[in-house]
Structure formats: structure tokens, C-alpha cells
Amino acid sequence: MGALALRGYIRSSGDRRSNCCSGVMMKFLLTLTICASVFLAQRVVAVKPPKCDKYSSPLCSRVRDPVCGTNSITFANECMLCLFNREYNKDINILRNGDC
């Protein structure tokens, strides 16, 4: 009877250990998920310079193809961003295509 009791103890302590480890694993996975969500929420993207050499005229098209500048201003199109850079002697790049 003593050996049976000992086997039950080993089995139950092993169960406790696996529950403990699965709890640690769940905490790790939850932390990893939260970190990944924060990283993706920041929308990490490569900043690219506008191709201002394409726009030699001081007039821009009225076609709306918005770009978000690194100054967090939405420009109607890349030409407008270039015009802004020229007029105000700035060096604003394109953060992403679309509205800010």
C-alpha cells in the first residue's frame, strides 16, 4: 500500500509541475502576443524620399493620391509635398502612402 501511495504522490506532483510549466508558458505567450501587437500598432515602415525631380513645374496636378509626410501632414499628392518642401525649404519625406 505504501508503494501505491508513493506512485500517486509522484504522479500528482508531476501534474502540478506540468500545470506550473503550462502557466509559465501561457504567461510567456501572452507577453509575446502583447509585444507583437504593440510593435504592429506602431506601423513601423520605411520612410522614403519623394521623387521631386519628376515635378519641375511649380504647378501640381489636382489628382488626389494622398501621401503622409514625416511631419504628420497629409498632402494631396507627392507633387504637393515637393512643392511644400521647395516653398518652405524643408526636407519632409513620405512616411506612407495614404492619409496620415
C-alpha atoms as a PDB file:
ATOM      1  CA  MET A   1       0.000   0.000   0.000  1.00  0.00           C
ATOM      2  CA  GLY A   2       2.915   2.342   0.652  1.00  0.00           C
ATOM      3  CA  ALA A   3       4.217   1.929  -2.916  1.00  0.00           C
ATOM      4  CA  LEU A   4       0.795   2.787  -4.366  1.00  0.00           C
ATOM      5  CA  ALA A   5       0.600   5.918  -2.250  1.00  0.00           C
ATOM      6  CA  LEU A   6       4.102   6.902  -3.355  1.00  0.00           C
ATOM      7  CA  ARG A   7       3.162   6.413  -7.029  1.00  0.00           C
ATOM      8  CA  GLY A   8       0.098   8.604  -6.545  1.00  0.00           C
ATOM      9  CA  TYR A   9       2.252  11.321  -4.993  1.00  0.00           C
ATOM     10  CA  ILE A  10       4.770  11.265  -7.832  1.00  0.00           C
ATOM     11  CA  ARG A  11       2.004  11.370 -10.401  1.00  0.00           C
ATOM     12  CA  SER A  12       0.219  14.233  -8.654  1.00  0.00           C
ATOM     13  CA  SER A  13       3.418  16.223  -8.118  1.00  0.00           C
ATOM     14  CA  GLY A  14       4.265  15.729 -11.799  1.00  0.00           C
ATOM     15  CA  ASP A  15       0.803  17.019 -12.656  1.00  0.00           C
ATOM     16  CA  ARG A  16       1.425  20.059 -10.508  1.00  0.00           C
ATOM     17  CA  ARG A  17       4.727  20.679 -12.256  1.00  0.00           C
ATOM     18  CA  SER A  18       3.150  20.413 -15.714  1.00  0.00           C
ATOM     19  CA  ASN A  19       0.391  22.809 -14.638  1.00  0.00           C
ATOM     20  CA  CYS A  20       3.046  25.185 -13.380  1.00  0.00           C
ATOM     21  CA  CYS A  21       5.009  24.990 -16.615  1.00  0.00           C
ATOM     22  CA  SER A  22       1.920  25.420 -18.750  1.00  0.00           C
ATOM     23  CA  GLY A  23       1.070  28.512 -16.679  1.00  0.00           C
ATOM     24  CA  VAL A  24       4.543  29.929 -17.302  1.00  0.00           C
ATOM     25  CA  MET A  25       4.199  29.105 -20.996  1.00  0.00           C
ATOM     26  CA  MET A  26       0.807  30.839 -21.140  1.00  0.00           C
ATOM     27  CA  LYS A  27       2.267  33.960 -19.497  1.00  0.00           C
ATOM     28  CA  PHE A  28       5.152  33.917 -21.974  1.00  0.00           C
ATOM     29  CA  LEU A  29       2.804  33.563 -24.956  1.00  0.00           C
ATOM     30  CA  LEU A  30       0.549  36.328 -23.639  1.00  0.00           C
ATOM     31  CA  THR A  31       3.548  38.642 -23.190  1.00  0.00           C
ATOM     32  CA  LEU A  32       4.806  37.780 -26.670  1.00  0.00           C
ATOM     33  CA  THR A  33       1.367  38.492 -28.159  1.00  0.00           C
ATOM     34  CA  ILE A  34       1.148  41.863 -26.402  1.00  0.00           C
ATOM     35  CA  CYS A  35       4.643  42.861 -27.568  1.00  0.00           C
ATOM     36  CA  ALA A  36       3.841  41.868 -31.158  1.00  0.00           C
ATOM     37  CA  SER A  37       0.593  43.858 -31.036  1.00  0.00           C
ATOM     38  CA  VAL A  38       2.377  46.975 -29.777  1.00  0.00           C
ATOM     39  CA  PHE A  39       5.052  46.606 -32.447  1.00  0.00           C
ATOM     40  CA  LEU A  40       2.467  46.272 -35.226  1.00  0.00           C
ATOM     41  CA  ALA A  41       0.381  49.120 -33.838  1.00  0.00           C
ATOM     42  CA  GLN A  42       3.311  51.478 -34.340  1.00  0.00           C
ATOM     43  CA  ARG A  43       3.163  50.771 -38.088  1.00  0.00           C
ATOM     44  CA  VAL A  44       6.861  50.583 -38.463  1.00  0.00           C
ATOM     45  CA  VAL A  45       7.527  51.422 -42.106  1.00  0.00           C
ATOM     46  CA  ALA A  46      10.450  52.607 -44.137  1.00  0.00           C
ATOM     47  CA  VAL A  47      10.477  56.340 -44.764  1.00  0.00           C
ATOM     48  CA  LYS A  48      11.148  57.165 -48.405  1.00  0.00           C
ATOM     49  CA  PRO A  49      12.176  60.435 -50.003  1.00  0.00           C
ATOM     50  CA  PRO A  50       9.756  61.980 -52.509  1.00  0.00           C
ATOM     51  CA  LYS A  51      10.792  61.914 -56.165  1.00  0.00           C
ATOM     52  CA  CYS A  52      10.747  65.688 -56.558  1.00  0.00           C
ATOM     53  CA  ASP A  53      12.855  65.644 -59.721  1.00  0.00           C
ATOM     54  CA  LYS A  54       9.701  64.427 -61.535  1.00  0.00           C
ATOM     55  CA  TYR A  55       7.951  67.722 -60.725  1.00  0.00           C
ATOM     56  CA  SER A  56       9.799  70.629 -62.289  1.00  0.00           C
ATOM     57  CA  SER A  57       6.730  72.819 -62.781  1.00  0.00           C
ATOM     58  CA  PRO A  58       5.539  74.996 -59.885  1.00  0.00           C
ATOM     59  CA  LEU A  59       2.027  73.654 -60.581  1.00  0.00           C
ATOM     60  CA  CYS A  60       0.762  70.295 -59.352  1.00  0.00           C
ATOM     61  CA  SER A  61      -1.969  68.032 -60.629  1.00  0.00           C
ATOM     62  CA  ARG A  62      -5.275  68.106 -58.780  1.00  0.00           C
ATOM     63  CA  VAL A  63      -5.414  64.304 -58.805  1.00  0.00           C
ATOM     64  CA  ARG A  64      -5.825  63.078 -55.253  1.00  0.00           C
ATOM     65  CA  ASP A  65      -3.223  60.427 -54.426  1.00  0.00           C
ATOM     66  CA  PRO A  66      -2.519  61.252 -50.780  1.00  0.00           C
ATOM     67  CA  VAL A  67       0.804  60.760 -49.055  1.00  0.00           C
ATOM     68  CA  CYS A  68       1.542  61.137 -45.363  1.00  0.00           C
ATOM     69  CA  GLY A  69       4.594  63.284 -44.705  1.00  0.00           C
ATOM     70  CA  THR A  70       7.057  62.721 -41.889  1.00  0.00           C
ATOM     71  CA  ASN A  71       5.624  65.910 -40.354  1.00  0.00           C
ATOM     72  CA  SER A  72       2.259  64.073 -39.946  1.00  0.00           C
ATOM     73  CA  ILE A  73       0.547  66.228 -42.573  1.00  0.00           C
ATOM     74  CA  THR A  74      -1.433  64.611 -45.381  1.00  0.00           C
ATOM     75  CA  PHE A  75      -0.525  66.032 -48.782  1.00  0.00           C
ATOM     76  CA  ALA A  76      -2.922  65.641 -51.719  1.00  0.00           C
ATOM     77  CA  ASN A  77      -0.158  64.001 -53.746  1.00  0.00           C
ATOM     78  CA  GLU A  78       3.616  63.672 -53.913  1.00  0.00           C
ATOM     79  CA  CYS A  79       3.920  66.814 -56.045  1.00  0.00           C
ATOM     80  CA  MET A  80       2.252  68.896 -53.329  1.00  0.00           C
ATOM     81  CA  LEU A  81       4.712  67.553 -50.760  1.00  0.00           C
ATOM     82  CA  CYS A  82       7.597  68.536 -53.076  1.00  0.00           C
ATOM     83  CA  LEU A  83       6.100  71.976 -53.594  1.00  0.00           C
ATOM     84  CA  PHE A  84       5.813  72.414 -49.817  1.00  0.00           C
ATOM     85  CA  ASN A  85       9.456  71.346 -49.383  1.00  0.00           C
ATOM     86  CA  ARG A  86      10.584  73.866 -52.012  1.00  0.00           C
ATOM     87  CA  GLU A  87       8.486  76.756 -50.716  1.00  0.00           C
ATOM     88  CA  TYR A  88       9.420  76.353 -47.059  1.00  0.00           C
ATOM     89  CA  ASN A  89      12.939  74.961 -47.538  1.00  0.00           C
ATOM     90  CA  LYS A  90      12.032  71.718 -45.743  1.00  0.00           C
ATOM     91  CA  ASP A  91      13.166  68.121 -46.134  1.00  0.00           C
ATOM     92  CA  ILE A  92       9.959  66.209 -45.431  1.00  0.00           C
ATOM     93  CA  ASN A  93       9.865  62.605 -46.597  1.00  0.00           C
ATOM     94  CA  ILE A  94       6.983  60.228 -47.264  1.00  0.00           C
ATOM     95  CA  LEU A  95       6.036  58.233 -44.192  1.00  0.00           C
ATOM     96  CA  ARG A  96       3.470  56.143 -46.088  1.00  0.00           C
ATOM     97  CA  ASN A  97       1.036  56.330 -48.986  1.00  0.00           C
ATOM     98  CA  GLY A  98      -2.466  57.400 -47.954  1.00  0.00           C
ATOM     99  CA  ASP A  99      -3.776  59.730 -45.298  1.00  0.00           C
ATOM    100  CA  CYS A 100      -1.925  60.244 -42.029  1.00  0.00           C
END
